[in-house]
């Protein structure tokens, strides 16, 4: 065996959760948490406006500092 060859695992591993499965689960949970509640248009517009104001303040502070 050369140093370029990977070593075999020392012991058989148990069930491992793959990163892509975890990422997919997180996406599902995020969608359930953030997108499932049906807010009225005014609530959505308000949250978008608040987020926009926060981003603009942050951008202004980063330019000044």
Protein backbone atom coordinates (compact mmCIF):
# COMPACT_ATOMS: atom_id res chain seq x y z
CA UNK A 1 0.00 0.00 0.00
CA UNK A 2 1.33 3.43 -0.88
CA UNK A 3 0.68 6.63 1.00
CA UNK A 4 -1.77 7.73 -1.71
CA UNK A 5 -4.17 4.88 -0.98
CA UNK A 6 -6.81 5.46 1.70
CA UNK A 7 -6.77 3.31 4.79
CA UNK A 8 -9.66 0.93 5.27
CA UNK A 9 -11.90 1.73 8.22
CA UNK A 10 -10.71 0.19 11.48
CA UNK A 11 -14.17 -1.03 12.43
CA UNK A 12 -17.42 -1.25 10.51
CA UNK A 13 -19.36 1.92 10.95
CA UNK A 14 -22.96 2.12 12.01
CA UNK A 15 -25.60 3.90 10.06
CA UNK A 16 -24.26 7.29 9.08
CA UNK A 17 -26.52 10.08 7.98
CA UNK A 18 -25.24 11.66 4.83
CA UNK A 19 -24.80 15.43 4.70
CA UNK A 20 -27.17 15.74 1.75
CA UNK A 21 -29.90 14.00 3.73
CA UNK A 22 -29.35 16.38 6.63
CA UNK A 23 -29.43 19.36 4.28
CA UNK A 24 -32.66 18.16 2.69
CA UNK A 25 -34.22 17.65 6.12
CA UNK A 26 -33.17 21.16 7.14
CA UNK A 27 -34.73 22.61 3.99
CA UNK A 28 -37.99 20.83 4.74
CA UNK A 29 -37.97 22.04 8.33
CA UNK A 30 -37.17 25.61 7.26
CA UNK A 31 -39.98 25.57 4.72
CA UNK A 32 -42.36 24.24 7.33
CA UNK A 33 -41.28 26.84 9.88
CA UNK A 34 -41.04 29.89 7.62
CA UNK A 35 -43.53 29.22 4.87
CA UNK A 36 -46.38 27.21 6.26
CA UNK A 37 -48.23 29.91 8.14
CA UNK A 38 -50.48 31.83 5.82
CA UNK A 39 -50.22 35.45 6.78
CA UNK A 40 -52.27 38.13 5.16
CA UNK A 41 -50.73 40.38 2.55
CA UNK A 42 -50.30 43.24 4.96
CA UNK A 43 -48.23 41.06 7.30
CA UNK A 44 -46.01 39.84 4.47
CA UNK A 45 -45.54 43.36 3.12
CA UNK A 46 -44.69 44.63 6.59
CA UNK A 47 -42.08 41.92 7.16
CA UNK A 48 -40.52 42.59 3.74
CA UNK A 49 -40.45 46.33 4.47
CA UNK A 50 -38.88 45.76 7.90
CA UNK A 51 -36.24 43.49 6.40
CA UNK A 52 -35.49 46.06 3.68
CA UNK A 53 -35.05 48.84 6.24
CA UNK A 54 -32.75 46.64 8.32
CA UNK A 55 -30.61 45.78 5.27
CA UNK A 56 -30.36 49.44 4.25
CA UNK A 57 -29.31 50.45 7.77
CA UNK A 58 -26.69 47.72 7.79
CA UNK A 59 -25.38 48.78 4.36
CA UNK A 60 -25.23 52.41 5.50
CA UNK A 61 -23.36 51.47 8.69
CA UNK A 62 -20.90 49.34 6.75
CA UNK A 63 -20.17 52.16 4.31
CA UNK A 64 -19.61 54.68 7.10
CA UNK A 65 -17.45 52.38 9.23
